[in-house]
């Protein structure tokens, strides 16, 4: 499940490059998991 979340978050970040602020928490969470 963690891998699935990682890919979903990565896809969201890549598709919404302009909304980096919104996905900054996702990035932090990914770093916390990894």
N, C-alpha and C. Protein backbone atom coordinates (compact mmCIF):
# COMPACT_ATOMS: atom_id res chain seq x y z
N UNK A 1 0.84 -1.21 0.00
CA UNK A 1 0.00 0.00 0.00
C UNK A 1 0.87 1.26 0.00
N UNK A 2 1.98 1.19 0.70
CA UNK A 2 2.88 2.34 0.74
C UNK A 2 3.41 2.65 -0.66
N UNK A 3 3.72 1.61 -1.42
CA UNK A 3 4.22 1.81 -2.79
C UNK A 3 3.13 2.47 -3.65
N UNK A 4 1.91 2.00 -3.51
CA UNK A 4 0.80 2.57 -4.29
C UNK A 4 0.64 4.05 -3.96
N UNK A 5 0.70 4.36 -2.67
CA UNK A 5 0.57 5.76 -2.24
C UNK A 5 1.70 6.60 -2.83
N UNK A 6 2.90 6.03 -2.82
CA UNK A 6 4.06 6.74 -3.36
C UNK A 6 3.85 7.10 -4.82
N UNK A 7 3.40 6.12 -5.62
CA UNK A 7 3.19 6.36 -7.05
C UNK A 7 2.03 7.33 -7.28
N UNK A 8 0.98 7.23 -6.48
CA UNK A 8 -0.15 8.15 -6.62
C UNK A 8 0.27 9.58 -6.31
N UNK A 9 1.03 9.73 -5.23
CA UNK A 9 1.50 11.06 -4.83
C UNK A 9 2.45 11.61 -5.89
N UNK A 10 3.33 10.75 -6.39
CA UNK A 10 4.28 11.17 -7.41
C UNK A 10 3.55 11.63 -8.67
N UNK A 11 2.55 10.87 -9.08
CA UNK A 11 1.77 11.22 -10.27
C UNK A 11 1.04 12.55 -10.04
N UNK A 12 0.50 12.72 -8.84
CA UNK A 12 -0.22 13.96 -8.52
C UNK A 12 0.72 15.16 -8.58
N UNK A 13 1.93 14.98 -8.04
CA UNK A 13 2.91 16.06 -8.05
C UNK A 13 3.33 16.39 -9.48
N UNK A 14 3.54 15.36 -10.29
CA UNK A 14 3.99 15.57 -11.67
C UNK A 14 2.91 16.23 -12.51
N UNK A 15 1.64 15.81 -12.32
CA UNK A 15 0.55 16.36 -13.12
C UNK A 15 0.14 17.74 -12.63
N UNK A 16 0.42 18.06 -11.37
CA UNK A 16 0.06 19.36 -10.83
C UNK A 16 1.31 20.10 -10.37
N UNK A 17 2.22 20.32 -11.30
CA UNK A 17 3.49 20.97 -10.97
C UNK A 17 3.27 22.38 -10.44
N UNK A 18 2.20 23.03 -10.88
CA UNK A 18 1.92 24.40 -10.45
C UNK A 18 1.41 24.43 -9.01
N UNK A 19 0.87 23.31 -8.55
CA UNK A 19 0.33 23.27 -7.18
C UNK A 19 1.34 22.63 -6.23
N UNK A 20 2.59 23.03 -6.37
CA UNK A 20 3.64 22.45 -5.52
C UNK A 20 3.38 22.73 -4.05
N UNK A 21 2.86 23.90 -3.74
CA UNK A 21 2.57 24.24 -2.34
C UNK A 21 1.59 23.24 -1.74
N UNK A 22 0.57 22.91 -2.53
CA UNK A 22 -0.47 22.00 -2.06
C UNK A 22 0.10 20.61 -1.80
N UNK A 23 1.02 20.18 -2.66
CA UNK A 23 1.56 18.83 -2.53
C UNK A 23 2.86 18.79 -1.73
N UNK A 24 3.25 19.93 -1.17
CA UNK A 24 4.49 19.97 -0.39
C UNK A 24 4.36 19.05 0.83
N UNK A 25 3.15 18.98 1.40
CA UNK A 25 2.95 18.09 2.56
C UNK A 25 3.07 16.64 2.14
N UNK A 26 2.63 16.34 0.91
CA UNK A 26 2.76 14.97 0.39
C UNK A 26 4.23 14.61 0.27
N UNK A 27 5.00 15.55 -0.24
CA UNK A 27 6.44 15.32 -0.40
C UNK A 27 7.07 15.04 0.96
N UNK A 28 6.71 15.84 1.95
CA UNK A 28 7.24 15.65 3.30
C UNK A 28 6.84 14.28 3.85
N UNK A 29 5.61 13.89 3.58
CA UNK A 29 5.12 12.59 4.05
C UNK A 29 5.87 11.46 3.38
N UNK A 30 6.14 11.60 2.09
CA UNK A 30 6.89 10.58 1.35
C UNK A 30 8.29 10.45 1.94
N UNK A 31 8.91 11.57 2.23
CA UNK A 31 10.26 11.54 2.81
C UNK A 31 10.22 10.87 4.18
N UNK A 32 9.13 11.09 4.92
CA UNK A 32 8.99 10.49 6.24
C UNK A 32 8.84 8.97 6.13
N UNK A 33 8.09 8.52 5.12
CA UNK A 33 7.87 7.08 4.91
C UNK A 33 9.14 6.42 4.40
N UNK A 34 9.82 7.07 3.45
CA UNK A 34 11.01 6.49 2.81
C UNK A 34 12.26 6.58 3.68
